[in-house]
């Protein structure tokens, strides 16, 4: 009798292990499909942003294009990774080095309108400065993506951010975008 009980325990253990392995494999396949789908979605978004920026440049002689074209983004509190993109076109006939900076528009009275200071709002930016070189009559190959990390305690407020692009002689181009912080 003791040997029969030991055999039943072994078969039960094997069945549990087989079921566990099957569940693990199905879980890994599901995770892989989710990440692959997410990557495809990001590629489609990138294509849409690049097409929109190309359309903006083709319709005007602007030096800077900001996406979304409404120049307004809404992001909920406690959100990371949402933002906007911009691209620059060198209208000069020579190669140039550019730098850019992004921050709260200095003309906006953020303390009275939102109850925070500009340094706090600027800390939400994941990228606030950078540099690049453009050939003559060229535009950026890939738009610069600017993302925000909005804290949970951020005030529900509309804050204008300004993108300033400089070359050797000073301000080359600038544009603004309004960040609307929404309550979660």
Protein backbone atom coordinates (compact mmCIF):
# COMPACT_ATOMS: atom_id res chain seq x y z
CA UNK A 1 0.00 0.00 0.00
CA UNK A 2 2.74 2.46 0.81
CA UNK A 3 4.27 2.05 -2.63
CA UNK A 4 0.97 2.82 -4.38
CA UNK A 5 0.62 6.11 -2.46
CA UNK A 6 4.15 7.09 -3.39
CA UNK A 7 3.38 6.39 -7.07
CA UNK A 8 0.23 8.54 -6.95
CA UNK A 9 2.19 11.41 -5.42
CA UNK A 10 4.80 11.17 -8.18
CA UNK A 11 2.19 11.18 -10.97
CA UNK A 12 0.42 14.15 -9.34
CA UNK A 13 3.70 16.04 -9.12
CA UNK A 14 4.47 15.34 -12.78
CA UNK A 15 0.99 16.49 -13.87
CA UNK A 16 1.39 19.73 -11.89
CA UNK A 17 4.83 20.35 -13.42
CA UNK A 18 3.53 19.76 -16.96
CA UNK A 19 0.62 22.14 -16.41
CA UNK A 20 2.94 24.75 -14.87
CA UNK A 21 5.34 24.53 -17.82
CA UNK A 22 2.46 24.87 -20.29
CA UNK A 23 1.20 27.96 -18.45
CA UNK A 24 4.71 29.45 -18.38
CA UNK A 25 5.18 28.93 -22.11
CA UNK A 26 1.75 30.44 -22.89
CA UNK A 27 2.56 33.40 -20.66
CA UNK A 28 5.88 34.01 -22.44
CA UNK A 29 4.19 33.85 -25.86
CA UNK A 30 1.56 36.34 -24.68
CA UNK A 31 4.19 38.76 -23.33
CA UNK A 32 6.13 38.51 -26.59
CA UNK A 33 3.00 39.34 -28.62
CA UNK A 34 2.24 42.32 -26.39
CA UNK A 35 5.74 43.78 -26.77
CA UNK A 36 5.80 43.14 -30.52
CA UNK A 37 2.44 44.88 -30.88
CA UNK A 38 3.66 47.80 -28.77
CA UNK A 39 6.75 48.18 -30.96
CA UNK A 40 4.62 48.19 -34.11
CA UNK A 41 2.36 50.86 -32.60
CA UNK A 42 5.39 53.04 -31.78
CA UNK A 43 6.67 52.69 -35.35
CA UNK A 44 3.27 53.76 -36.72
CA UNK A 45 3.23 56.78 -34.38
CA UNK A 46 6.76 57.73 -35.45
CA UNK A 47 5.73 57.49 -39.11
CA UNK A 48 2.68 59.67 -38.44
CA UNK A 49 4.76 62.31 -36.61
CA UNK A 50 7.39 62.40 -39.35
CA UNK A 51 4.74 62.68 -42.08
CA UNK A 52 2.96 65.49 -40.23
CA UNK A 53 6.20 67.41 -39.74
CA UNK A 54 7.10 66.94 -43.41
CA UNK A 55 3.65 68.25 -44.34
CA UNK A 56 4.15 71.30 -42.09
CA UNK A 57 7.48 72.09 -43.75
CA UNK A 58 6.11 71.60 -47.26
CA UNK A 59 3.25 74.03 -46.63
CA UNK A 60 5.43 76.90 -45.35
CA UNK A 61 8.91 78.36 -45.11
CA UNK A 62 9.03 77.94 -41.33
CA UNK A 63 12.33 77.13 -39.70
CA UNK A 64 10.69 75.05 -36.95
CA UNK A 65 7.76 72.63 -36.96
CA UNK A 66 6.11 71.35 -33.79
CA UNK A 67 3.86 68.30 -33.58
CA UNK A 68 1.01 68.20 -32.76
CA UNK A 69 0.18 71.10 -35.04
CA UNK A 70 -2.41 72.35 -32.54
CA UNK A 71 0.58 73.06 -30.28
CA UNK A 72 -1.41 71.78 -27.32
CA UNK A 73 -0.90 68.53 -25.40
CA UNK A 74 -2.96 67.16 -22.56
CA UNK A 75 -1.25 64.90 -20.03
CA UNK A 76 -2.74 63.44 -16.86
CA UNK A 77 -1.05 63.61 -13.49
CA UNK A 78 1.26 60.70 -12.65
CA UNK A 79 2.02 60.07 -16.34
CA UNK A 80 5.40 59.52 -17.93
CA UNK A 81 6.52 59.50 -21.58
CA UNK A 82 3.88 61.67 -23.28
CA UNK A 83 4.96 64.84 -25.01
CA UNK A 84 5.57 66.50 -28.36
CA UNK A 85 8.08 66.49 -31.19
CA UNK A 86 9.80 69.26 -33.11
CA UNK A 87 12.01 69.51 -36.13
CA UNK A 88 14.19 72.29 -37.51
CA UNK A 89 15.01 73.20 -41.08
CA UNK A 90 18.20 75.02 -42.04
CA UNK A 91 17.20 77.59 -44.65
CA UNK A 92 20.76 78.89 -45.02
CA UNK A 93 23.10 77.80 -47.79
CA UNK A 94 25.78 76.53 -45.41
CA UNK A 95 26.06 73.81 -42.79
CA UNK A 96 25.28 75.06 -39.28
CA UNK A 97 25.51 73.89 -35.70
CA UNK A 98 22.38 74.44 -33.63
CA UNK A 99 21.53 74.22 -29.95
CA UNK A 100 18.08 74.16 -28.44
CA UNK A 101 16.55 74.71 -25.05
CA UNK A 102 13.06 74.07 -23.76
CA UNK A 103 11.44 75.62 -20.72
CA UNK A 104 8.44 77.42 -19.31
CA UNK A 105 7.76 80.60 -21.29
CA UNK A 106 9.32 83.39 -19.20
CA UNK A 107 6.40 85.73 -19.99
CA UNK A 108 3.96 83.36 -18.25
CA UNK A 109 3.26 84.14 -14.59
CA UNK A 110 3.33 80.52 -13.49
CA UNK A 111 3.47 81.28 -9.76
CA UNK A 112 0.15 83.17 -9.74
CA UNK A 113 -1.64 81.08 -12.37
CA UNK A 114 -0.56 77.58 -11.33
CA UNK A 115 0.84 77.89 -7.81
CA UNK A 116 4.27 76.45 -8.68
CA UNK A 117 7.55 77.94 -9.86
CA UNK A 118 9.14 77.59 -13.29
CA UNK A 119 11.94 75.35 -11.97
CA UNK A 120 9.41 72.79 -10.75
CA UNK A 121 7.56 72.74 -14.09
CA UNK A 122 10.86 72.55 -16.00
CA UNK A 123 11.84 69.51 -13.90
CA UNK A 124 8.95 67.63 -15.54
CA UNK A 125 10.85 67.72 -18.86
CA UNK A 126 12.80 64.56 -19.62
CA UNK A 127 14.94 66.50 -22.16
CA UNK A 128 15.42 70.24 -21.85
CA UNK A 129 18.42 70.98 -24.12
CA UNK A 130 20.48 69.53 -26.92
CA UNK A 131 22.43 70.21 -30.07
CA UNK A 132 22.59 69.06 -33.68
CA UNK A 133 24.15 69.96 -37.02
CA UNK A 134 22.24 70.49 -40.24
CA UNK A 135 23.56 70.68 -43.76
CA UNK A 136 22.60 73.50 -46.06
CA UNK A 137 18.90 73.61 -46.89
CA UNK A 138 18.37 70.44 -44.82
CA UNK A 139 15.95 69.44 -42.08
CA UNK A 140 16.41 67.07 -39.17
CA UNK A 141 16.25 63.41 -40.23
CA UNK A 142 14.38 62.48 -37.07
CA UNK A 143 12.27 64.92 -35.08
CA UNK A 144 13.40 65.58 -31.52
CA UNK A 145 10.98 63.97 -29.07
CA UNK A 146 10.34 65.91 -25.87
CA UNK A 147 8.60 63.96 -23.13
CA UNK A 148 7.28 64.87 -19.72
CA UNK A 149 7.05 63.08 -16.38
CA UNK A 150 4.09 64.67 -14.63
CA UNK A 151 4.05 64.08 -10.85
CA UNK A 152 0.95 63.03 -8.98
CA UNK A 153 0.75 66.36 -7.13
CA UNK A 154 1.08 68.55 -10.25
CA UNK A 155 -1.57 71.29 -10.37
CA UNK A 156 -4.30 71.10 -12.99
CA UNK A 157 -3.13 73.98 -15.12
CA UNK A 158 -2.16 75.07 -18.64
CA UNK A 159 1.55 75.91 -18.92
CA UNK A 160 3.18 77.31 -22.07
CA UNK A 161 6.61 75.85 -22.84
CA UNK A 162 8.93 77.50 -25.34
CA UNK A 163 11.39 75.79 -27.68
CA UNK A 164 14.28 78.10 -28.61
CA UNK A 165 16.76 77.08 -31.31
CA UNK A 166 20.03 79.02 -31.51
CA UNK A 167 22.80 79.15 -34.07
CA UNK A 168 26.12 81.02 -33.90
CA UNK A 169 24.43 84.38 -34.38
CA UNK A 170 21.71 83.97 -31.74
CA UNK A 171 18.07 82.87 -31.86
CA UNK A 172 17.44 81.05 -35.13
CA UNK A 173 13.84 79.96 -34.50
CA UNK A 174 11.40 79.48 -31.66
CA UNK A 175 8.01 77.98 -31.05
CA UNK A 176 5.72 77.26 -28.16
CA UNK A 177 3.44 74.50 -27.01
CA UNK A 178 0.84 74.49 -24.24
CA UNK A 179 0.93 71.66 -21.73
CA UNK A 180 -2.47 71.05 -20.15
CA UNK A 181 -2.11 69.04 -16.94
CA UNK A 182 -5.27 67.05 -16.29
CA UNK A 183 -6.44 65.52 -13.00
CA UNK A 184 -6.10 61.74 -12.96
